[in-house]
Amino acid sequence: MENQKSSLLAATPRAEHVIGYAFPRSSQATSLGHGSSGCFTIQVAGTLAPAETYAEAKTIVVRLGTSPGRWSWDHPLNTSFFSHHMHSDGQPLTGVNV
């Protein structure tokens, strides 16, 4: 998991990122080592890495200096949509498709 995060750090500045979510028991969460709990995902330049929380995902992309892609959870046009599907701590509501 740390190698995946380290490879994200090699992304070019001003590249776009996409923060998403992989639900528990999904193939994506399982492949990222979070099959039982689910995880947030960060994609930059074709590299996908997990983050345990939305706050961790945001911290990583701020450190990378990338900008949100159109379908990223943190894109300005998506904030009102995703806020209806998340708890106040940034974790997704269960049973809600996002």
PDB file of N, CA and C in Angstrom:
ATOM      1  N   MET A   1       0.834  -1.188   0.000  1.00  0.00           N
ATOM      2  CA  MET A   1       0.000   0.000   0.000  1.00  0.00           C
ATOM      3  C   MET A   1       0.878   1.249   0.000  1.00  0.00           C
ATOM      4  N   GLU A   2       1.940   1.267   0.779  1.00  0.00           N
ATOM      5  CA  GLU A   2       2.825   2.438   0.801  1.00  0.00           C
ATOM      6  C   GLU A   2       3.494   2.643  -0.553  1.00  0.00           C
ATOM      7  N   ASN A   3       3.824   1.537  -1.253  1.00  0.00           N
ATOM      8  CA  ASN A   3       4.411   1.675  -2.589  1.00  0.00           C
ATOM      9  C   ASN A   3       3.443   2.348  -3.543  1.00  0.00           C
ATOM     10  N   GLN A   4       2.147   2.013  -3.420  1.00  0.00           N
ATOM     11  CA  GLN A   4       1.149   2.638  -4.283  1.00  0.00           C
ATOM     12  C   GLN A   4       1.079   4.129  -4.004  1.00  0.00           C
ATOM     13  N   LYS A   5       1.111   4.511  -2.723  1.00  0.00           N
ATOM     14  CA  LYS A   5       1.058   5.929  -2.369  1.00  0.00           C
ATOM     15  C   LYS A   5       2.330   6.636  -2.819  1.00  0.00           C
ATOM     16  N   SER A   6       3.478   5.960  -2.693  1.00  0.00           N
ATOM     17  CA  SER A   6       4.737   6.562  -3.133  1.00  0.00           C
ATOM     18  C   SER A   6       4.733   6.797  -4.634  1.00  0.00           C
ATOM     19  N   SER A   7       4.151   5.858  -5.385  1.00  0.00           N
ATOM     20  CA  SER A   7       4.124   6.044  -6.836  1.00  0.00           C
ATOM     21  C   SER A   7       3.220   7.209  -7.227  1.00  0.00           C
ATOM     22  N   LEU A   8       2.210   7.503  -6.410  1.00  0.00           N
ATOM     23  CA  LEU A   8       1.385   8.681  -6.672  1.00  0.00           C
ATOM     24  C   LEU A   8       2.195   9.955  -6.510  1.00  0.00           C
ATOM     25  N   LEU A   9       3.126   9.945  -5.564  1.00  0.00           N
ATOM     26  CA  LEU A   9       3.930  11.140  -5.309  1.00  0.00           C
ATOM     27  C   LEU A   9       4.801  11.509  -6.506  1.00  0.00           C
ATOM     28  N   ALA A  10       5.022  10.544  -7.399  1.00  0.00           N
ATOM     29  CA  ALA A  10       5.840  10.808  -8.579  1.00  0.00           C
ATOM     30  C   ALA A  10       5.039  11.478  -9.699  1.00  0.00           C
ATOM     31  N   ALA A  11       3.752  11.689  -9.475  1.00  0.00           N
ATOM     32  CA  ALA A  11       2.901  12.304 -10.512  1.00  0.00           C
ATOM     33  C   ALA A  11       3.380  13.715 -10.832  1.00  0.00           C
ATOM     34  N   THR A  12       3.192  14.097 -12.069  1.00  0.00           N
ATOM     35  CA  THR A  12       3.590  15.443 -12.486  1.00  0.00           C
ATOM     36  C   THR A  12       2.711  16.499 -11.829  1.00  0.00           C
ATOM     37  N   PRO A  13       3.289  17.611 -11.406  1.00  0.00           N
ATOM     38  CA  PRO A  13       2.464  18.691 -10.873  1.00  0.00           C
ATOM     39  C   PRO A  13       1.422  19.124 -11.905  1.00  0.00           C
ATOM     40  N   ARG A  14       0.303  19.550 -11.429  1.00  0.00           N
ATOM     41  CA  ARG A  14      -0.840  19.982 -12.229  1.00  0.00           C
ATOM     42  C   ARG A  14      -1.553  18.842 -12.934  1.00  0.00           C
ATOM     43  N   ALA A  15      -1.153  17.625 -12.657  1.00  0.00           N
ATOM     44  CA  ALA A  15      -1.910  16.493 -13.189  1.00  0.00           C
ATOM     45  C   ALA A  15      -3.251  16.459 -12.478  1.00  0.00           C
ATOM     46  N   GLU A  16      -4.199  15.772 -13.057  1.00  0.00           N
ATOM     47  CA  GLU A  16      -5.498  15.640 -12.402  1.00  0.00           C
ATOM     48  C   GLU A  16      -5.529  14.382 -11.547  1.00  0.00           C
ATOM     49  N   HIS A  17      -6.303  14.444 -10.493  1.00  0.00           N
ATOM     50  CA  HIS A  17      -6.559  13.274  -9.659  1.00  0.00           C
ATOM     51  C   HIS A  17      -8.056  13.016  -9.634  1.00  0.00           C
ATOM     52  N   VAL A  18      -8.414  11.789  -9.299  1.00  0.00           N
ATOM     53  CA  VAL A  18      -9.815  11.444  -9.087  1.00  0.00           C
ATOM     54  C   VAL A  18      -9.904  10.688  -7.770  1.00  0.00           C
ATOM     55  N   ILE A  19     -10.634  11.267  -6.811  1.00  0.00           N
ATOM     56  CA  ILE A  19     -10.921  10.582  -5.555  1.00  0.00           C
ATOM     57  C   ILE A  19     -12.248   9.862  -5.750  1.00  0.00           C
ATOM     58  N   GLY A  20     -12.248   8.580  -5.452  1.00  0.00           N
ATOM     59  CA  GLY A  20     -13.452   7.765  -5.560  1.00  0.00           C
ATOM     60  C   GLY A  20     -13.604   6.911  -4.318  1.00  0.00           C
ATOM     61  N   TYR A  21     -14.472   5.925  -4.386  1.00  0.00           N
ATOM     62  CA  TYR A  21     -14.673   5.026  -3.255  1.00  0.00           C
ATOM     63  C   TYR A  21     -14.886   3.612  -3.772  1.00  0.00           C
ATOM     64  N   ALA A  22     -14.209   2.656  -3.145  1.00  0.00           N
ATOM     65  CA  ALA A  22     -14.384   1.235  -3.443  1.00  0.00           C
ATOM     66  C   ALA A  22     -15.121   0.606  -2.262  1.00  0.00           C
ATOM     67  N   PHE A  23     -16.305   0.088  -2.516  1.00  0.00           N
ATOM     68  CA  PHE A  23     -17.132  -0.465  -1.449  1.00  0.00           C
ATOM     69  C   PHE A  23     -16.586  -1.785  -0.926  1.00  0.00           C
ATOM     70  N   PRO A  24     -16.871  -2.096   0.360  1.00  0.00           N
ATOM     71  CA  PRO A  24     -16.433  -3.376   0.931  1.00  0.00           C
ATOM     72  C   PRO A  24     -16.872  -4.540   0.038  1.00  0.00           C
ATOM     73  N   ARG A  25     -16.012  -5.527  -0.058  1.00  0.00           N
ATOM     74  CA  ARG A  25     -16.220  -6.745  -0.835  1.00  0.00           C
ATOM     75  C   ARG A  25     -16.210  -6.522  -2.347  1.00  0.00           C
ATOM     76  N   SER A  26     -15.954  -5.300  -2.790  1.00  0.00           N
ATOM     77  CA  SER A  26     -15.847  -5.072  -4.240  1.00  0.00           C
ATOM     78  C   SER A  26     -14.488  -5.568  -4.719  1.00  0.00           C
ATOM     79  N   SER A  27     -14.396  -5.878  -5.997  1.00  0.00           N
ATOM     80  CA  SER A  27     -13.118  -6.361  -6.533  1.00  0.00           C
ATOM     81  C   SER A  27     -12.040  -5.285  -6.418  1.00  0.00           C
ATOM     82  N   GLN A  28     -12.423  -4.023  -6.575  1.00  0.00           N
ATOM     83  CA  GLN A  28     -11.436  -2.947  -6.474  1.00  0.00           C
ATOM     84  C   GLN A  28     -10.906  -2.819  -5.047  1.00  0.00           C
ATOM     85  N   ALA A  29     -11.800  -2.835  -4.051  1.00  0.00           N
ATOM     86  CA  ALA A  29     -11.354  -2.751  -2.655  1.00  0.00           C
ATOM     87  C   ALA A  29     -10.471  -3.943  -2.312  1.00  0.00           C
ATOM     88  N   THR A  30     -10.853  -5.121  -2.785  1.00  0.00           N
ATOM     89  CA  THR A  30     -10.068  -6.326  -2.519  1.00  0.00           C
ATOM     90  C   THR A  30      -8.685  -6.216  -3.142  1.00  0.00           C
ATOM     91  N   SER A  31      -8.608  -5.750  -4.386  1.00  0.00           N
ATOM     92  CA  SER A  31      -7.303  -5.640  -5.051  1.00  0.00           C
ATOM     93  C   SER A  31      -6.405  -4.597  -4.386  1.00  0.00           C
ATOM     94  N   LEU A  32      -7.010  -3.635  -3.681  1.00  0.00           N
ATOM     95  CA  LEU A  32      -6.227  -2.606  -2.984  1.00  0.00           C
ATOM     96  C   LEU A  32      -5.948  -2.973  -1.530  1.00  0.00           C
ATOM     97  N   GLY A  33      -6.352  -4.189  -1.119  1.00  0.00           N
ATOM     98  CA  GLY A  33      -6.067  -4.651   0.240  1.00  0.00           C
ATOM     99  C   GLY A  33      -7.075  -4.207   1.279  1.00  0.00           C
ATOM    100  N   HIS A  34      -8.252  -3.757   0.843  1.00  0.00           N
ATOM    101  CA  HIS A  34      -9.284  -3.279   1.769  1.00  0.00           C
ATOM    102  C   HIS A  34     -10.627  -3.956   1.498  1.00  0.00           C
ATOM    103  N   GLY A  35     -10.574  -5.241   1.161  1.00  0.00           N
ATOM    104  CA  GLY A  35     -11.783  -5.959   0.786  1.00  0.00           C
ATOM    105  C   GLY A  35     -12.856  -5.987   1.851  1.00  0.00           C
ATOM    106  N   SER A  36     -12.468  -6.098   3.110  1.00  0.00           N
ATOM    107  CA  SER A  36     -13.482  -6.206   4.166  1.00  0.00           C
ATOM    108  C   SER A  36     -14.029  -4.853   4.598  1.00  0.00           C
ATOM    109  N   SER A  37     -13.250  -3.792   4.436  1.00  0.00           N
ATOM    110  CA  SER A  37     -13.681  -2.483   4.948  1.00  0.00           C
ATOM    111  C   SER A  37     -14.035  -1.476   3.860  1.00  0.00           C
ATOM    112  N   GLY A  38     -13.571  -1.692   2.636  1.00  0.00           N
ATOM    113  CA  GLY A  38     -13.720  -0.681   1.600  1.00  0.00           C
ATOM    114  C   GLY A  38     -12.694   0.418   1.814  1.00  0.00           C
ATOM    115  N   CYS A  39     -12.542   1.289   0.844  1.00  0.00           N
ATOM    116  CA  CYS A  39     -11.565   2.368   0.978  1.00  0.00           C
ATOM    117  C   CYS A  39     -11.849   3.452  -0.050  1.00  0.00           C
ATOM    118  N   PHE A  40     -11.313   4.611   0.211  1.00  0.00           N
ATOM    119  CA  PHE A  40     -11.316   5.654  -0.801  1.00  0.00           C
ATOM    120  C   PHE A  40     -10.209   5.320  -1.783  1.00  0.00           C
ATOM    121  N   THR A  41     -10.354   5.771  -3.001  1.00  0.00           N
ATOM    122  CA  THR A  41      -9.347   5.525  -4.021  1.00  0.00           C
ATOM    123  C   THR A  41      -8.857   6.863  -4.563  1.00  0.00           C
ATOM    124  N   ILE A  42      -7.594   6.878  -4.928  1.00  0.00           N
ATOM    125  CA  ILE A  42      -6.989   8.059  -5.539  1.00  0.00           C
ATOM    126  C   ILE A  42      -6.349   7.586  -6.833  1.00  0.00           C
ATOM    127  N   GLN A  43      -6.746   8.180  -7.932  1.00  0.00           N
ATOM    128  CA  GLN A  43      -6.157   7.833  -9.213  1.00  0.00           C
ATOM    129  C   GLN A  43      -5.460   9.055  -9.788  1.00  0.00           C
ATOM    130  N   VAL A  44      -4.192   8.864 -10.132  1.00  0.00           N
ATOM    131  CA  VAL A  44      -3.385   9.922 -10.742  1.00  0.00           C
ATOM    132  C   VAL A  44      -2.554   9.280 -11.845  1.00  0.00           C
ATOM    133  N   ALA A  45      -2.672   9.813 -13.044  1.00  0.00           N
ATOM    134  CA  ALA A  45      -1.859   9.356 -14.176  1.00  0.00           C
ATOM    135  C   ALA A  45      -1.880   7.837 -14.321  1.00  0.00           C
ATOM    136  N   GLY A  46      -3.067   7.236 -14.181  1.00  0.00           N
ATOM    137  CA  GLY A  46      -3.214   5.797 -14.365  1.00  0.00           C
ATOM    138  C   GLY A  46      -2.825   4.947 -13.175  1.00  0.00           C
ATOM    139  N   THR A  47      -2.362   5.555 -12.098  1.00  0.00           N
ATOM    140  CA  THR A  47      -1.994   4.818 -10.893  1.00  0.00           C
ATOM    141  C   THR A  47      -3.105   4.954  -9.865  1.00  0.00           C
ATOM    142  N   LEU A  48      -3.507   3.825  -9.285  1.00  0.00           N
ATOM    143  CA  LEU A  48      -4.581   3.798  -8.303  1.00  0.00           C
ATOM    144  C   LEU A  48      -4.012   3.411  -6.949  1.00  0.00           C
ATOM    145  N   ALA A  49      -4.372   4.152  -5.916  1.00  0.00           N
ATOM    146  CA  ALA A  49      -3.903   3.866  -4.559  1.00  0.00           C
ATOM    147  C   ALA A  49      -5.069   4.015  -3.583  1.00  0.00           C
ATOM    148  N   PRO A  50      -5.014   3.276  -2.450  1.00  0.00           N
ATOM    149  CA  PRO A  50      -6.084   3.371  -1.459  1.00  0.00           C
ATOM    150  C   PRO A  50      -5.812   4.443  -0.419  1.00  0.00           C
ATOM    151  N   ALA A  51      -6.884   4.902   0.201  1.00  0.00           N
ATOM    152  CA  ALA A  51      -6.804   5.781   1.375  1.00  0.00           C
ATOM    153  C   ALA A  51      -7.908   5.311   2.316  1.00  0.00           C
ATOM    154  N   GLU A  52      -7.612   5.228   3.601  1.00  0.00           N
ATOM    155  CA  GLU A  52      -8.610   4.711   4.540  1.00  0.00           C
ATOM    156  C   GLU A  52      -9.762   5.675   4.762  1.00  0.00           C
ATOM    157  N   THR A  53      -9.506   6.974   4.654  1.00  0.00           N
ATOM    158  CA  THR A  53     -10.553   7.973   4.884  1.00  0.00           C
ATOM    159  C   THR A  53     -10.509   9.021   3.774  1.00  0.00           C
ATOM    160  N   TYR A  54     -11.587   9.765   3.674  1.00  0.00           N
ATOM    161  CA  TYR A  54     -11.630  10.872   2.721  1.00  0.00           C
ATOM    162  C   TYR A  54     -10.579  11.920   3.098  1.00  0.00           C
ATOM    163  N   ALA A  55     -10.420  12.158   4.396  1.00  0.00           N
ATOM    164  CA  ALA A  55      -9.418  13.134   4.854  1.00  0.00           C
ATOM    165  C   ALA A  55      -8.017  12.719   4.417  1.00  0.00           C
ATOM    166  N   GLU A  56      -7.712  11.428   4.507  1.00  0.00           N
ATOM    167  CA  GLU A  56      -6.400  10.953   4.069  1.00  0.00           C
ATOM    168  C   GLU A  56      -6.244  11.145   2.559  1.00  0.00           C
ATOM    169  N   ALA A  57      -7.293  10.849   1.804  1.00  0.00           N
ATOM    170  CA  ALA A  57      -7.242  11.035   0.350  1.00  0.00           C
ATOM    171  C   ALA A  57      -6.986  12.503   0.009  1.00  0.00           C
ATOM    172  N   LYS A  58      -7.693  13.403   0.682  1.00  0.00           N
ATOM    173  CA  LYS A  58      -7.504  14.843   0.444  1.00  0.00           C
ATOM    174  C   LYS A  58      -6.082  15.273   0.801  1.00  0.00           C
ATOM    175  N   THR A  59      -5.561  14.781   1.909  1.00  0.00           N
ATOM    176  CA  THR A  59      -4.197  15.121   2.320  1.00  0.00           C
ATOM    177  C   THR A  59      -3.198  14.701   1.248  1.00  0.00           C
ATOM    178  N   ILE A  60      -3.397  13.514   0.698  1.00  0.00           N
ATOM    179  CA  ILE A  60      -2.483  13.007  -0.329  1.00  0.00           C
ATOM    180  C   ILE A  60      -2.532  13.881  -1.582  1.00  0.00           C
ATOM    181  N   VAL A  61      -3.735  14.233  -2.051  1.00  0.00           N
ATOM    182  CA  VAL A  61      -3.806  15.026  -3.292  1.00  0.00           C
ATOM    183  C   VAL A  61      -3.324  16.455  -3.083  1.00  0.00           C
ATOM    184  N   VAL A  62      -3.504  16.992  -1.882  1.00  0.00           N
ATOM    185  CA  VAL A  62      -2.960  18.329  -1.594  1.00  0.00           C
ATOM    186  C   VAL A  62      -1.437  18.274  -1.659  1.00  0.00           C
ATOM    187  N   ARG A  63      -0.861  17.222  -1.079  1.00  0.00           N
ATOM    188  CA  ARG A  63       0.594  17.058  -1.101  1.00  0.00           C
ATOM    189  C   ARG A  63       1.101  16.871  -2.531  1.00  0.00           C
ATOM    190  N   LEU A  64       0.309  16.187  -3.368  1.00  0.00           N
ATOM    191  CA  LEU A  64       0.702  15.980  -4.763  1.00  0.00           C
ATOM    192  C   LEU A  64       0.634  17.261  -5.587  1.00  0.00           C
ATOM    193  N   GLY A  65      -0.242  18.167  -5.196  1.00  0.00           N
ATOM    194  CA  GLY A  65      -0.418  19.400  -5.950  1.00  0.00           C
ATOM    195  C   GLY A  65      -1.227  19.221  -7.222  1.00  0.00           C
ATOM    196  N   THR A  66      -2.027  18.159  -7.278  1.00  0.00           N
ATOM    197  CA  THR A  66      -2.856  17.905  -8.452  1.00  0.00           C
ATOM    198  C   THR A  66      -4.195  18.619  -8.322  1.00  0.00           C
ATOM    199  N   SER A  67      -4.919  18.700  -9.426  1.00  0.00           N
ATOM    200  CA  SER A  67      -6.247  19.319  -9.385  1.00  0.00           C
ATOM    201  C   SER A  67      -7.296  18.230  -9.605  1.00  0.00           C
ATOM    202  N   PRO A  68      -8.509  18.439  -9.071  1.00  0.00           N
ATOM    203  CA  PRO A  68      -9.530  17.398  -9.182  1.00  0.00           C
ATOM    204  C   PRO A  68     -10.051  17.241 -10.608  1.00  0.00           C
ATOM    205  N   GLY A  69     -10.113  15.989 -11.054  1.00  0.00           N
ATOM    206  CA  GLY A  69     -10.752  15.680 -12.326  1.00  0.00           C
ATOM    207  C   GLY A  69     -12.263  15.848 -12.187  1.00  0.00           C
ATOM    208  N   ARG A  70     -12.968  15.894 -13.299  1.00  0.00           N
ATOM    209  CA  ARG A  70     -14.398  16.196 -13.284  1.00  0.00           C
ATOM    210  C   ARG A  70     -15.210  15.265 -12.391  1.00  0.00           C
ATOM    211  N   TRP A  71     -14.865  13.999 -12.280  1.00  0.00           N
ATOM    212  CA  TRP A  71     -15.672  13.062 -11.494  1.00  0.00           C
ATOM    213  C   TRP A  71     -15.071  12.762 -10.135  1.00  0.00           C
ATOM    214  N   SER A  72     -14.096  13.540  -9.720  1.00  0.00           N
ATOM    215  CA  SER A  72     -13.504  13.376  -8.394  1.00  0.00           C
ATOM    216  C   SER A  72     -14.472  13.874  -7.323  1.00  0.00           C
ATOM    217  N   TRP A  73     -14.485  13.195  -6.179  1.00  0.00           N
ATOM    218  CA  TRP A  73     -15.377  13.589  -5.076  1.00  0.00           C
ATOM    219  C   TRP A  73     -15.145  15.033  -4.663  1.00  0.00           C
ATOM    220  N   ASP A  74     -13.932  15.543  -4.822  1.00  0.00           N
ATOM    221  CA  ASP A  74     -13.638  16.900  -4.368  1.00  0.00           C
ATOM    222  C   ASP A  74     -13.741  17.948  -5.477  1.00  0.00           C
ATOM    223  N   HIS A  75     -14.238  17.578  -6.642  1.00  0.00           N
ATOM    224  CA  HIS A  75     -14.437  18.567  -7.704  1.00  0.00           C
ATOM    225  C   HIS A  75     -15.547  19.523  -7.268  1.00  0.00           C
ATOM    226  N   PRO A  76     -15.379  20.828  -7.471  1.00  0.00           N
ATOM    227  CA  PRO A  76     -16.373  21.808  -7.008  1.00  0.00           C
ATOM    228  C   PRO A  76     -17.802  21.536  -7.487  1.00  0.00           C
ATOM    229  N   LEU A  77     -17.969  20.970  -8.666  1.00  0.00           N
ATOM    230  CA  LEU A  77     -19.317  20.697  -9.166  1.00  0.00           C
ATOM    231  C   LEU A  77     -19.963  19.474  -8.508  1.00  0.00           C
ATOM    232  N   ASN A  78     -19.177  18.707  -7.753  1.00  0.00           N
ATOM    233  CA  ASN A  78     -19.707  17.491  -7.132  1.00  0.00           C
ATOM    234  C   ASN A  78     -19.962  17.625  -5.641  1.00  0.00           C
ATOM    235  N   THR A  79     -19.552  18.705  -5.024  1.00  0.00           N
ATOM    236  CA  THR A  79     -19.620  18.781  -3.558  1.00  0.00           C
ATOM    237  C   THR A  79     -21.030  18.665  -3.012  1.00  0.00           C
ATOM    238  N   SER A  80     -22.005  19.269  -3.640  1.00  0.00           N
ATOM    239  CA  SER A  80     -23.364  19.173  -3.096  1.00  0.00           C
ATOM    240  C   SER A  80     -23.926  17.771  -3.279  1.00  0.00           C
ATOM    241  N   PHE A  81     -23.568  17.109  -4.363  1.00  0.00           N
ATOM    242  CA  PHE A  81     -24.048  15.751  -4.587  1.00  0.00           C
ATOM    243  C   PHE A  81     -23.488  14.793  -3.548  1.00  0.00           C
ATOM    244  N   PHE A  82     -22.167  14.794  -3.382  1.00  0.00           N
ATOM    245  CA  PHE A  82     -21.555  13.831  -2.471  1.00  0.00           C
ATOM    246  C   PHE A  82     -21.841  14.130  -1.012  1.00  0.00           C
ATOM    247  N   SER A  83     -22.094  15.375  -0.658  1.00  0.00           N
ATOM    248  CA  SER A  83     -22.383  15.677   0.746  1.00  0.00           C
ATOM    249  C   SER A  83     -23.660  14.980   1.209  1.00  0.00           C
ATOM    250  N   HIS A  84     -24.558  14.659   0.298  1.00  0.00           N
ATOM    251  CA  HIS A  84     -25.787  13.950   0.659  1.00  0.00           C
ATOM    252  C   HIS A  84     -25.550  12.459   0.859  1.00  0.00           C
ATOM    253  N   HIS A  85     -24.384  11.980   0.474  1.00  0.00           N
ATOM    254  CA  HIS A  85     -24.081  10.558   0.550  1.00  0.00           C
ATOM    255  C   HIS A  85     -22.966  10.251   1.540  1.00  0.00           C
ATOM    256  N   MET A  86     -22.600  11.238   2.363  1.00  0.00           N
ATOM    257  CA  MET A  86     -21.494  11.035   3.287  1.00  0.00           C
ATOM    258  C   MET A  86     -21.881  11.445   4.696  1.00  0.00           C
ATOM    259  N   HIS A  87     -21.278  10.745   5.667  1.00  0.00           N
ATOM    260  CA  HIS A  87     -21.385  11.171   7.058  1.00  0.00           C
ATOM    261  C   HIS A  87     -20.542  12.434   7.226  1.00  0.00           C
ATOM    262  N   SER A  88     -20.683  13.100   8.347  1.00  0.00           N
ATOM    263  CA  SER A  88     -19.925  14.332   8.583  1.00  0.00           C
ATOM    264  C   SER A  88     -18.417  14.092   8.607  1.00  0.00           C
ATOM    265  N   ASP A  89     -17.977  12.840   8.893  1.00  0.00           N
ATOM    266  CA  ASP A  89     -16.540  12.541   8.909  1.00  0.00           C
ATOM    267  C   ASP A  89     -16.004  12.190   7.524  1.00  0.00           C
ATOM    268  N   GLY A  90     -16.857  12.290   6.498  1.00  0.00           N
ATOM    269  CA  GLY A  90     -16.405  12.014   5.141  1.00  0.00           C
ATOM    270  C   GLY A  90     -16.560  10.580   4.707  1.00  0.00           C
ATOM    271  N   GLN A  91     -17.007   9.695   5.584  1.00  0.00           N
ATOM    272  CA  GLN A  91     -17.198   8.304   5.214  1.00  0.00           C
ATOM    273  C   GLN A  91     -18.548   8.157   4.515  1.00  0.00           C
ATOM    274  N   PRO A  92     -18.634   7.277   3.501  1.00  0.00           N
ATOM    275  CA  PRO A  92     -19.888   7.124   2.773  1.00  0.00           C
ATOM    276  C   PRO A  92     -20.970   6.471   3.627  1.00  0.00           C
ATOM    277  N   LEU A  93     -22.211   6.837   3.365  1.00  0.00           N
ATOM    278  CA  LEU A  93     -23.338   6.170   4.005  1.00  0.00           C
ATOM    279  C   LEU A  93     -23.437   4.763   3.432  1.00  0.00           C
ATOM    280  N   THR A  94     -23.781   3.790   4.257  1.00  0.00           N
ATOM    281  CA  THR A  94     -23.910   2.429   3.749  1.00  0.00           C
ATOM    282  C   THR A  94     -25.224   2.280   3.005  1.00  0.00           C
ATOM    283  N   GLY A  95     -25.219   1.437   1.997  1.00  0.00           N
ATOM    284  CA  GLY A  95     -26.422   1.180   1.232  1.00  0.00           C
ATOM    285  C   GLY A  95     -26.780   2.270   0.240  1.00  0.00           C
ATOM    286  N   VAL A  96     -25.877   3.218   0.005  1.00  0.00           N
ATOM    287  CA  VAL A  96     -26.141   4.304  -0.943  1.00  0.00           C
ATOM    288  C   VAL A  96     -25.173   4.151  -2.103  1.00  0.00           C
ATOM    289  N   ASN A  97     -25.685   4.112  -3.300  1.00  0.00           N
ATOM    290  CA  ASN A  97     -24.819   4.033  -4.477  1.00  0.00           C
ATOM    291  C   ASN A  97     -24.337   5.424  -4.833  1.00  0.00           C
ATOM    292  N   VAL A  98     -23.021   5.576  -4.906  1.00  0.00           N
ATOM    293  CA  VAL A  98     -22.444   6.866  -5.276  1.00  0.00           C
ATOM    294  C   VAL A  98     -21.592   6.718  -6.503  1.00  0.00           C
TER     295      VAL A  98
END
